[in-house]
Amino acid sequence: MPSLGESVTEATVGGWEVKVGETVSDGDWLGSVETDKVDMEIYAPVSGVVREIVVGEGETAKVGDVLAVIGPPDSSSRTGE
């Protein structure tokens, strides 16, 4: 989770606009986090596929925590498997 200001150390995930398995592009809106002082939209830092939502809606995370995992597009065309 990005820094939300000097005095803010944690926030609650207000909601997700993406689901696991969805493809996102760098800068796409993923969801939002909320505190008693500020609400902030969260954007994808990279392009790829949402692999995991680590912090669910209504759950609290600290600044610096991973909220979601975005990985490379599915490479199911592996050879030798």
C-alpha atoms as a PDB file:
ATOM      1  CA  MET A   1       0.000   0.000   0.000  1.00  0.00           C
ATOM      2  CA  PRO A   2       1.377   3.431  -0.894  1.00  0.00           C
ATOM      3  CA  SER A   3       2.060   6.169   1.630  1.00  0.00           C
ATOM      4  CA  LEU A   4      -1.102   8.053   2.542  1.00  0.00           C
ATOM      5  CA  GLY A   5       0.508  10.914   4.450  1.00  0.00           C
ATOM      6  CA  GLU A   6       2.871  11.370   7.366  1.00  0.00           C
ATOM      7  CA  SER A   7       0.446  10.492  10.155  1.00  0.00           C
ATOM      8  CA  VAL A   8      -1.412   7.682   8.371  1.00  0.00           C
ATOM      9  CA  THR A   9       0.037   4.214   8.994  1.00  0.00           C
ATOM     10  CA  GLU A  10      -2.836   1.950   7.917  1.00  0.00           C
ATOM     11  CA  ALA A  11      -6.029   1.936   5.880  1.00  0.00           C
ATOM     12  CA  THR A  12      -9.010  -0.275   5.126  1.00  0.00           C
ATOM     13  CA  VAL A  13      -9.631  -1.654   1.651  1.00  0.00           C
ATOM     14  CA  GLY A  14     -12.879  -0.023   0.566  1.00  0.00           C
ATOM     15  CA  GLY A  15     -13.399  -2.231  -2.449  1.00  0.00           C
ATOM     16  CA  TRP A  16     -11.830  -3.942  -5.425  1.00  0.00           C
ATOM     17  CA  GLU A  17     -12.734  -3.206  -9.046  1.00  0.00           C
ATOM     18  CA  VAL A  18     -10.790  -6.227 -10.327  1.00  0.00           C
ATOM     19  CA  LYS A  19     -10.926  -9.967  -9.739  1.00  0.00           C
ATOM     20  CA  VAL A  20      -8.292 -12.683  -9.735  1.00  0.00           C
ATOM     21  CA  GLY A  21      -7.517 -13.694 -13.308  1.00  0.00           C
ATOM     22  CA  GLU A  22      -8.295 -10.299 -14.857  1.00  0.00           C
ATOM     23  CA  THR A  23      -5.725  -8.638 -17.092  1.00  0.00           C
ATOM     24  CA  VAL A  24      -4.758  -5.093 -16.094  1.00  0.00           C
ATOM     25  CA  SER A  25      -2.564  -2.424 -17.637  1.00  0.00           C
ATOM     26  CA  ASP A  26      -0.129  -0.128 -15.868  1.00  0.00           C
ATOM     27  CA  GLY A  27      -2.221   2.670 -14.365  1.00  0.00           C
ATOM     28  CA  ASP A  28      -5.580   0.837 -14.367  1.00  0.00           C
ATOM     29  CA  TRP A  29      -7.829   1.513 -11.379  1.00  0.00           C
ATOM     30  CA  LEU A  30      -7.765  -1.515  -9.064  1.00  0.00           C
ATOM     31  CA  GLY A  31      -9.801  -0.311  -6.090  1.00  0.00           C
ATOM     32  CA  SER A  32      -9.696   2.022  -3.118  1.00  0.00           C
ATOM     33  CA  VAL A  33      -8.483   2.310   0.456  1.00  0.00           C
ATOM     34  CA  GLU A  34     -10.041   4.408   3.206  1.00  0.00           C
ATOM     35  CA  THR A  35      -8.945   6.022   6.455  1.00  0.00           C
ATOM     36  CA  ASP A  36     -10.678   8.415   8.810  1.00  0.00           C
ATOM     37  CA  LYS A  37      -8.734  11.215   7.083  1.00  0.00           C
ATOM     38  CA  VAL A  38      -8.501  10.281   3.395  1.00  0.00           C
ATOM     39  CA  ASP A  39      -9.886   7.976   0.705  1.00  0.00           C
ATOM     40  CA  MET A  40      -7.456   6.990  -2.038  1.00  0.00           C
ATOM     41  CA  GLU A  41      -7.767   5.097  -5.304  1.00  0.00           C
ATOM     42  CA  ILE A  42      -5.236   2.343  -5.962  1.00  0.00           C
ATOM     43  CA  TYR A  43      -3.816   1.918  -9.468  1.00  0.00           C
ATOM     44  CA  ALA A  44      -1.869  -0.943 -11.050  1.00  0.00           C
ATOM     45  CA  PRO A  45       1.881  -0.286 -10.845  1.00  0.00           C
ATOM     46  CA  VAL A  46       2.529  -2.714 -13.728  1.00  0.00           C
ATOM     47  CA  SER A  47       0.688  -4.505 -16.525  1.00  0.00           C
ATOM     48  CA  GLY A  48      -0.176  -8.180 -16.094  1.00  0.00           C
ATOM     49  CA  VAL A  49      -2.747 -10.527 -14.604  1.00  0.00           C
ATOM     50  CA  VAL A  50      -4.193 -10.218 -11.095  1.00  0.00           C
ATOM     51  CA  ARG A  51      -2.892 -13.395  -9.443  1.00  0.00           C
ATOM     52  CA  GLU A  52      -4.064 -12.820  -5.863  1.00  0.00           C
ATOM     53  CA  ILE A  53      -6.037 -10.342  -3.778  1.00  0.00           C
ATOM     54  CA  VAL A  54      -4.016 -10.375  -0.552  1.00  0.00           C
ATOM     55  CA  VAL A  55      -6.086  -7.903   1.487  1.00  0.00           C
ATOM     56  CA  GLY A  56      -9.825  -8.298   1.072  1.00  0.00           C
ATOM     57  CA  GLU A  57     -12.547  -5.668   1.089  1.00  0.00           C
ATOM     58  CA  GLY A  58     -13.069  -4.372   4.629  1.00  0.00           C
ATOM     59  CA  GLU A  59      -9.682  -5.624   5.827  1.00  0.00           C
ATOM     60  CA  THR A  60      -6.971  -3.319   7.158  1.00  0.00           C
ATOM     61  CA  ALA A  61      -3.422  -3.082   5.815  1.00  0.00           C
ATOM     62  CA  LYS A  62      -0.364  -1.104   6.845  1.00  0.00           C
ATOM     63  CA  VAL A  63       1.543   1.260   4.566  1.00  0.00           C
ATOM     64  CA  GLY A  64       3.993  -0.882   2.595  1.00  0.00           C
ATOM     65  CA  ASP A  65       1.870  -4.062   2.727  1.00  0.00           C
ATOM     66  CA  VAL A  66       1.123  -5.918  -0.508  1.00  0.00           C
ATOM     67  CA  LEU A  67      -2.574  -5.522  -1.339  1.00  0.00           C
ATOM     68  CA  ALA A  68      -2.668  -7.617  -4.516  1.00  0.00           C
ATOM     69  CA  VAL A  69      -0.254  -9.618  -6.656  1.00  0.00           C
ATOM     70  CA  ILE A  70       0.004  -8.860 -10.377  1.00  0.00           C
ATOM     71  CA  GLY A  71       2.013 -11.332 -12.426  1.00  0.00           C
ATOM     72  CA  PRO A  72       2.949 -11.784 -16.062  1.00  0.00           C
ATOM     73  CA  PRO A  73       0.317 -13.058 -18.505  1.00  0.00           C
ATOM     74  CA  ASP A  74      -0.369 -16.790 -18.229  1.00  0.00           C
ATOM     75  CA  SER A  75       2.450 -18.809 -19.728  1.00  0.00           C
ATOM     76  CA  SER A  76       0.495 -22.051 -20.038  1.00  0.00           C
ATOM     77  CA  SER A  77       2.313 -22.858 -23.273  1.00  0.00           C
ATOM     78  CA  ARG A  78       5.327 -24.267 -21.439  1.00  0.00           C
ATOM     79  CA  THR A  79       7.359 -26.843 -23.274  1.00  0.00           C
ATOM     80  CA  GLY A  80       8.254 -30.203 -21.801  1.00  0.00           C
ATOM     81  CA  GLU A  81       5.322 -30.451 -19.401  1.00  0.00           C
END
